[in-house]
Amino acid sequence: MKKLNIYFTAGIPQLEETTEIIKLIQDSGADMMEIGMPYSDPVADGPVIQKAHELALQNGMTIEKLFLQLKSVKNEVKIPIILMGYINPVLSFGFEKFCKECSESGVSGLIIPDLPPIEFEKNYQKILKQYNLNFTFLITPETSEERIFHLDSLSSGFLYAVSSSSTTGKENAVLKNEDYLSKLASLPLINPVMIGFGIKSKEDFENVTEKADGGIIGTAFVNILLQNKDWKIKAKDFIHSIKN
């Protein structure tokens, strides 16, 4: 079975609904989840997730609040939780303090797209290992084979393969880049490969995961949380529709 990873931004639709969404994602059959830490300048994200970041910040979401929420459901969550965000808020919080909080809150890994590999190796890799946290790097269709191997060697948990070179949720993202997906499947990589960006349906999910280990759905799920008063039913149905 291909793994389904669901992303959402912490602190939406309402500040205190994060824990409800965490439990819903797990109970609906997802294999893992990514929780976005709201930031005022989410450059790698498209309009939907940018809007989610804005709303979460307006709602008063902070890293401190997120850790409190995670601790409150820690014993109920059995699937991996990965925190995704940008390096600035993490550095403001204090990197080691952040990792310590992650390990005490049931977080299993991090994705920080704007942390360069060289910085990671020099300053942060040891700290992550100390707190037993995975770290995932992103690759794109433009990433050279040599660099893919390097990022794979630095990653643990999984390797995040961006389906196309665009921001998240782009309508015109080329979802099934055959050459790229075949190339990734043929490389002797250490980590499982998860495909993200642009997956909106079961058909998309099955298409991109033919040659990969799983898929990541963000924008389509966040859209449900932002646009529907009865998001609980719709979010559950959406995950069921992908998994069943």
Foldseek 3Di string as FASTA:
>chain_A
DFAEEEEAEAQPPHNLCRLVVQVLCVVLPHQEYEYEYADQCQPQADDLRNVRSVNSVVNPDALVSVLVSLQVCLVVDDHAYEYEYAVVSCVVVPVLVSLQSCLNSRHAEYEHAPQDPVCCVPPPLVSNVVSNHFYEYEDELPDDPVVVQVRLVSGDPAYEYEQHPGGAPDPPGPLQPPVSLVVVLPDPGPHFYEYEGDDQALVSFCRSCVRGRGYYDYSNLSCLRPPDPPSSVVNSVRSNRNVD
